[in-house]
Amino acid sequence: MRDYVLLPPGSLIGIAGLCWAIAYAKFPTGEKELKNIDCIRCKRTLSHDPANESFSFCTPLTSSDRNELDGLWASGKLPQLCYPMTPDDIAKFMGAFRKRPSSKKWEPVFLDAEEINERKAKQIALAGAHTDAVLRGFESGEIIFVDANNIPLKNLFGNPLMSREQAVAYLNRCGLAWRDEDEQPIKSESEASRGKGGDFKQSGTSRGAVRRKLALGQEAELVAYFLDLKRRKVPRHAQQTAKKFGISDSYARRLVREHMARPASPFPTAK
């Protein structure tokens, strides 16, 4: 399972978009392709006779287990997994897995259709619980909903949306780490305050997992550069813009979206 919420794109996020993103992160069922570690449900710790399941028990993978598996996949010592796996896929994986020095300590329990169906039910329940919590936040004034034009709403008529900053603040209050598409995971505010390793940015004051902020005036320069490349149909213009300004391509695209969404000023600029 992912240990972070993948936020939908855009400066405004719907209630369902946020709450289902949380549910998908906690109980993935293939909304995004399930590969490698996501294909392993848990581990069966072996004792006495490894061939006799009555002498074994199942527990979640530890961070040490995950790091070990990631290292074996990265070095090519384990075949890649992609759900759904065939019996042959599993047999090949287990053949390689049992060659590792600690193979007698535990074995993986693989994701199957029964687990997927259980997760779907849990997704519905979790998304509903977060929807209720978000609506309570609106009633208390903690969360402000807006319409597509960023005008604050007084009721829930129409299609209520929340700003990306409000969505991130909600995830922080829930202690949930998050990331944008094409970004590295960042820690939730509560994790960051506990200092659990890693050089991560606190999400409460960021627009994403951004490793570098642009200097004053550079955003407008970036947007102009991006649009010029796009107008000239230069391939991979987002990636080229990101490389020039030393940021991620996801962040570059977001800055352009936000710039284009801003209303034009009715006052002429000084020349």
Protein backbone atom coordinates (compact mmCIF):
# COMPACT_ATOMS: atom_id res chain seq x y z
CA MET A 1 0.00 0.00 0.00
CA ARG A 2 1.10 3.56 -0.62
CA ASP A 3 2.09 5.55 2.46
CA TYR A 4 0.99 8.86 0.90
CA VAL A 5 -2.09 10.41 -0.68
CA LEU A 6 -1.81 11.27 -4.38
CA LEU A 7 -3.52 14.65 -4.73
CA PRO A 8 -5.59 15.34 -7.86
CA PRO A 9 -4.17 18.03 -10.17
CA GLY A 10 -5.39 21.64 -10.21
CA SER A 11 -5.61 24.56 -7.81
CA LEU A 12 -9.16 23.54 -6.78
CA ILE A 13 -10.11 20.09 -5.51
CA GLY A 14 -13.58 18.60 -5.08
CA ILE A 15 -14.73 16.91 -1.90
CA ALA A 16 -15.00 13.53 -3.62
CA GLY A 17 -11.61 13.99 -5.30
CA LEU A 18 -9.88 14.52 -1.96
CA CYS A 19 -11.73 11.86 0.02
CA TRP A 20 -11.38 9.17 -2.62
CA ALA A 21 -7.69 9.98 -3.03
CA ILE A 22 -7.30 9.17 0.68
CA ALA A 23 -9.29 5.94 0.28
CA TYR A 24 -7.26 4.87 -2.76
CA ALA A 25 -4.01 5.47 -0.87
CA LYS A 26 -5.07 3.45 2.16
CA PHE A 27 -6.74 0.61 0.24
CA PRO A 28 -5.38 0.50 -3.35
CA THR A 29 -7.29 -1.76 -5.72
CA GLY A 30 -5.67 -0.92 -9.03
CA GLU A 31 -6.83 2.65 -9.69
CA LYS A 32 -3.14 3.13 -10.38
CA GLU A 33 -1.23 0.09 -11.60
CA LEU A 34 -0.26 -2.18 -8.71
CA LYS A 35 3.38 -3.19 -8.99
CA ASN A 36 5.99 -4.96 -6.86
CA ILE A 37 5.46 -4.02 -3.18
CA ASP A 38 1.77 -3.22 -3.78
CA CYS A 39 1.26 -6.81 -4.94
CA ILE A 40 2.28 -8.19 -1.55
CA ARG A 41 -0.53 -8.22 0.99
CA CYS A 42 1.52 -9.11 4.08
CA LYS A 43 4.15 -11.60 5.18
CA ARG A 44 3.84 -15.05 6.67
CA THR A 45 6.43 -15.46 9.40
CA LEU A 46 7.70 -19.01 9.44
CA SER A 47 8.49 -21.11 12.46
CA HIS A 48 9.23 -24.78 13.02
CA ASP A 49 8.26 -26.30 9.68
CA PRO A 50 8.05 -23.74 6.81
CA ALA A 51 5.99 -26.20 4.75
CA ASN A 52 3.30 -26.39 7.44
CA GLU A 53 1.15 -23.25 7.50
CA SER A 54 -0.27 -24.19 10.88
CA PHE A 55 3.10 -23.16 12.30
CA SER A 56 3.06 -19.71 10.70
CA PHE A 57 1.28 -16.38 11.18
CA CYS A 58 0.76 -13.27 9.04
CA THR A 59 1.90 -9.74 9.87
CA PRO A 60 2.34 -6.48 7.90
CA LEU A 61 5.63 -5.84 6.11
CA THR A 62 8.04 -3.75 8.16
CA SER A 63 10.08 -0.88 6.74
CA SER A 64 13.08 -3.20 6.85
CA ASP A 65 11.19 -5.79 4.79
CA ARG A 66 10.19 -3.14 2.25
CA ASN A 67 13.74 -1.82 1.96
CA GLU A 68 15.07 -5.34 1.46
CA LEU A 69 12.54 -6.07 -1.30
CA ASP A 70 13.11 -2.72 -3.00
CA GLY A 71 16.85 -3.40 -3.01
CA LEU A 72 16.35 -6.86 -4.54
CA TRP A 73 14.08 -5.45 -7.25
CA ALA A 74 16.50 -2.61 -7.96
CA SER A 75 19.42 -5.05 -8.33
CA GLY A 76 17.42 -7.37 -10.60
CA LYS A 77 17.52 -10.25 -8.14
CA LEU A 78 13.72 -10.46 -8.00
CA PRO A 79 11.36 -10.54 -11.00
CA GLN A 80 8.93 -7.63 -11.27
CA LEU A 81 5.37 -8.13 -10.02
CA CYS A 82 2.26 -6.59 -11.58
CA TYR A 83 -1.27 -7.37 -10.39
CA PRO A 84 -3.00 -9.62 -11.34
CA MET A 85 -0.22 -12.22 -11.19
CA THR A 86 -0.43 -15.63 -12.82
CA PRO A 87 0.61 -18.79 -10.95
CA ASP A 88 3.72 -18.82 -13.14
CA ASP A 89 4.54 -15.22 -12.10
CA ILE A 90 4.27 -16.18 -8.45
CA ALA A 91 6.32 -19.36 -8.90
CA LYS A 92 9.15 -17.43 -10.61
CA PHE A 93 9.09 -14.79 -7.90
CA MET A 94 9.17 -17.31 -5.06
CA GLY A 95 12.00 -19.23 -6.73
CA ALA A 96 14.15 -16.09 -6.66
CA PHE A 97 12.87 -14.96 -3.26
CA ARG A 98 13.87 -18.21 -1.55
CA LYS A 99 17.48 -17.79 -2.69
CA ARG A 100 18.01 -14.82 -0.39
CA PRO A 101 19.90 -15.51 2.90
CA SER A 102 16.93 -14.71 5.16
CA SER A 103 14.43 -16.73 3.12
CA LYS A 104 13.63 -19.08 6.01
CA LYS A 105 12.31 -16.28 8.22
CA TRP A 106 9.23 -15.23 6.23
CA GLU A 107 7.42 -15.48 2.90
CA PRO A 108 5.11 -13.02 1.13
CA VAL A 109 1.34 -13.38 0.97
CA PHE A 110 0.23 -12.07 -2.40
CA LEU A 111 -2.65 -9.81 -3.30
CA ASP A 112 -5.66 -11.69 -4.67
CA ALA A 113 -9.23 -11.03 -5.86
CA GLU A 114 -10.68 -11.63 -2.39
CA GLU A 115 -8.44 -8.96 -0.87
CA ILE A 116 -9.27 -6.53 -3.69
CA ASN A 117 -13.01 -6.92 -2.99
CA GLU A 118 -12.43 -6.37 0.74
CA ARG A 119 -10.45 -3.23 -0.01
CA LYS A 120 -13.20 -1.85 -2.24
CA ALA A 121 -15.66 -2.09 0.64
CA LYS A 122 -13.14 -0.39 2.94
CA GLN A 123 -12.59 2.34 0.35
CA ILE A 124 -16.28 3.22 0.36
CA ALA A 125 -16.41 3.35 4.15
CA LEU A 126 -13.24 5.44 4.47
CA ALA A 127 -14.20 7.90 1.71
CA GLY A 128 -17.58 8.35 3.41
CA ALA A 129 -15.97 8.97 6.80
CA HIS A 130 -13.65 11.64 5.38
CA THR A 131 -16.52 13.25 3.48
CA ASP A 132 -18.43 13.59 6.74
CA ALA A 133 -15.34 15.07 8.43
CA VAL A 134 -14.82 17.60 5.61
CA LEU A 135 -18.47 18.67 5.77
CA ARG A 136 -18.18 19.12 9.53
CA GLY A 137 -15.16 21.31 8.88
CA PHE A 138 -17.26 23.45 6.55
CA GLU A 139 -20.05 23.76 9.13
CA SER A 140 -17.57 24.85 11.80
CA GLY A 141 -15.86 27.35 9.51
CA GLU A 142 -12.57 25.46 9.52
CA ILE A 143 -12.90 24.72 5.79
CA ILE A 144 -14.05 27.22 3.16
CA PHE A 145 -15.71 25.95 0.01
CA VAL A 146 -15.62 27.96 -3.21
CA ASP A 147 -17.13 27.66 -6.68
CA ALA A 148 -15.21 27.27 -9.92
CA ASN A 149 -14.54 31.04 -9.89
CA ASN A 150 -13.02 30.94 -6.38
CA ILE A 151 -16.03 32.69 -4.86
CA PRO A 152 -16.67 31.49 -1.27
CA LEU A 153 -19.87 29.50 -0.82
CA LYS A 154 -22.33 29.86 2.04
CA ASN A 155 -24.06 26.54 1.37
CA LEU A 156 -23.43 23.26 -0.44
CA PHE A 157 -25.49 23.95 -3.55
CA GLY A 158 -23.78 23.32 -6.87
CA ASN A 159 -20.29 21.87 -6.98
CA PRO A 160 -18.39 22.91 -3.82
CA LEU A 161 -14.61 22.94 -4.18
CA MET A 162 -11.73 23.64 -1.85
CA SER A 163 -8.40 25.26 -2.55
CA ARG A 164 -5.34 23.06 -2.76
CA GLU A 165 -4.02 24.74 0.38
CA GLN A 166 -7.20 23.79 2.29
CA ALA A 167 -6.94 20.20 1.08
CA VAL A 168 -3.30 20.01 2.19
CA ALA A 169 -4.21 21.53 5.56
CA TYR A 170 -6.87 18.84 6.02
CA LEU A 171 -4.37 16.08 5.21
CA ASN A 172 -1.97 17.61 7.73
CA ARG A 173 -4.61 17.60 10.45
CA CYS A 174 -5.23 13.92 9.69
CA GLY A 175 -1.50 13.15 9.82
CA LEU A 176 -1.48 12.00 6.17
CA ALA A 177 1.56 12.42 3.91
CA TRP A 178 0.82 13.49 0.35
CA ARG A 179 2.40 14.09 -3.02
CA ASP A 180 1.56 15.49 -6.43
CA GLU A 181 1.90 13.52 -9.62
CA ASP A 182 5.57 13.16 -10.68
CA GLU A 183 6.76 14.37 -7.27
CA GLN A 184 8.65 12.69 -4.46
CA PRO A 185 6.61 11.85 -1.34
CA ILE A 186 6.61 14.53 1.34
CA LYS A 187 5.80 14.15 4.98
CA SER A 188 2.70 15.27 6.74
CA GLU A 189 3.17 18.15 9.15
CA SER A 190 2.79 15.84 12.14
CA GLU A 191 5.48 13.46 10.82
CA ALA A 192 7.82 16.35 10.08
CA SER A 193 7.40 17.71 13.60
CA ARG A 194 8.36 14.31 14.99
CA GLY A 195 11.54 14.35 12.88
CA LYS A 196 11.17 10.92 11.35
CA GLY A 197 14.21 11.01 9.08
CA GLY A 198 14.53 12.26 5.52
CA ASP A 199 14.83 15.76 4.13
CA PHE A 200 11.15 16.44 3.51
CA LYS A 201 9.24 19.67 3.26
CA GLN A 202 6.36 20.42 5.61
CA SER A 203 3.28 20.29 3.43
CA GLY A 204 1.27 22.90 5.27
CA THR A 205 3.08 25.77 3.59
CA SER A 206 3.96 24.31 0.23
CA ARG A 207 2.26 23.80 -3.08
CA GLY A 208 3.78 20.38 -3.50
CA ALA A 209 6.98 18.51 -2.99
CA VAL A 210 9.06 21.40 -4.29
CA ARG A 211 12.78 21.30 -3.57
CA ARG A 212 13.46 24.89 -4.72
CA LYS A 213 11.46 28.10 -4.62
CA LEU A 214 11.68 30.58 -7.47
CA ALA A 215 13.06 34.04 -6.85
CA LEU A 216 10.77 37.05 -7.06
CA GLY A 217 9.75 37.68 -10.65
CA GLN A 218 10.93 34.27 -11.90
CA GLU A 219 7.41 32.82 -12.02
CA ALA A 220 6.37 35.24 -14.77
CA GLU A 221 9.61 34.47 -16.62
CA LEU A 222 8.93 30.75 -16.30
CA VAL A 223 5.38 31.09 -17.63
CA ALA A 224 6.56 33.14 -20.62
CA TYR A 225 9.31 30.59 -21.37
CA PHE A 226 6.87 27.66 -21.06
CA LEU A 227 4.26 29.26 -23.33
CA ASP A 228 6.86 30.17 -25.92
CA LEU A 229 8.11 26.58 -26.09
CA LYS A 230 4.53 25.33 -26.31
CA ARG A 231 3.66 27.84 -29.07
CA ARG A 232 6.67 26.66 -31.07
CA LYS A 233 5.61 23.04 -30.42
CA VAL A 234 8.94 22.17 -28.82
CA PRO A 235 8.81 18.55 -27.55
CA ARG A 236 8.73 18.02 -23.78
CA HIS A 237 8.34 21.72 -23.13
CA ALA A 238 7.36 21.17 -19.48
CA GLN A 239 10.47 19.13 -18.79
CA GLN A 240 12.68 21.67 -20.58
CA THR A 241 11.15 24.51 -18.58
CA ALA A 242 11.67 22.60 -15.34
CA LYS A 243 15.30 21.91 -16.20
CA LYS A 244 15.99 25.56 -17.03
CA PHE A 245 14.55 26.82 -13.73
CA GLY A 246 15.75 23.93 -11.57
CA ILE A 247 12.34 22.68 -10.44
CA SER A 248 10.11 19.67 -11.15
CA ASP A 249 8.05 19.58 -14.34
CA SER A 250 4.94 19.05 -12.21
CA TYR A 251 5.63 22.29 -10.34
CA ALA A 252 6.31 24.11 -13.63
CA ARG A 253 2.96 22.98 -15.06
CA ARG A 254 1.19 24.00 -11.86
CA LEU A 255 2.66 27.51 -11.97
CA VAL A 256 1.44 27.88 -15.55
CA ARG A 257 -2.05 26.63 -14.63
CA GLU A 258 -2.27 29.06 -11.73
CA HIS A 259 -1.05 31.95 -13.88
CA MET A 260 -3.59 31.21 -16.61
CA ALA A 261 -6.40 30.93 -14.03
CA ARG A 262 -5.76 34.40 -12.61
CA PRO A 263 -8.09 37.13 -13.88
CA ALA A 264 -6.41 39.77 -15.99
CA SER A 265 -5.82 43.07 -14.19
CA PRO A 266 -8.19 45.87 -15.33
CA PHE A 267 -5.37 48.39 -14.86
CA PRO A 268 -2.61 48.91 -17.44
CA THR A 269 0.89 48.05 -16.34
CA ALA A 270 3.50 50.77 -16.12
CA LYS A 271 5.85 51.05 -19.08
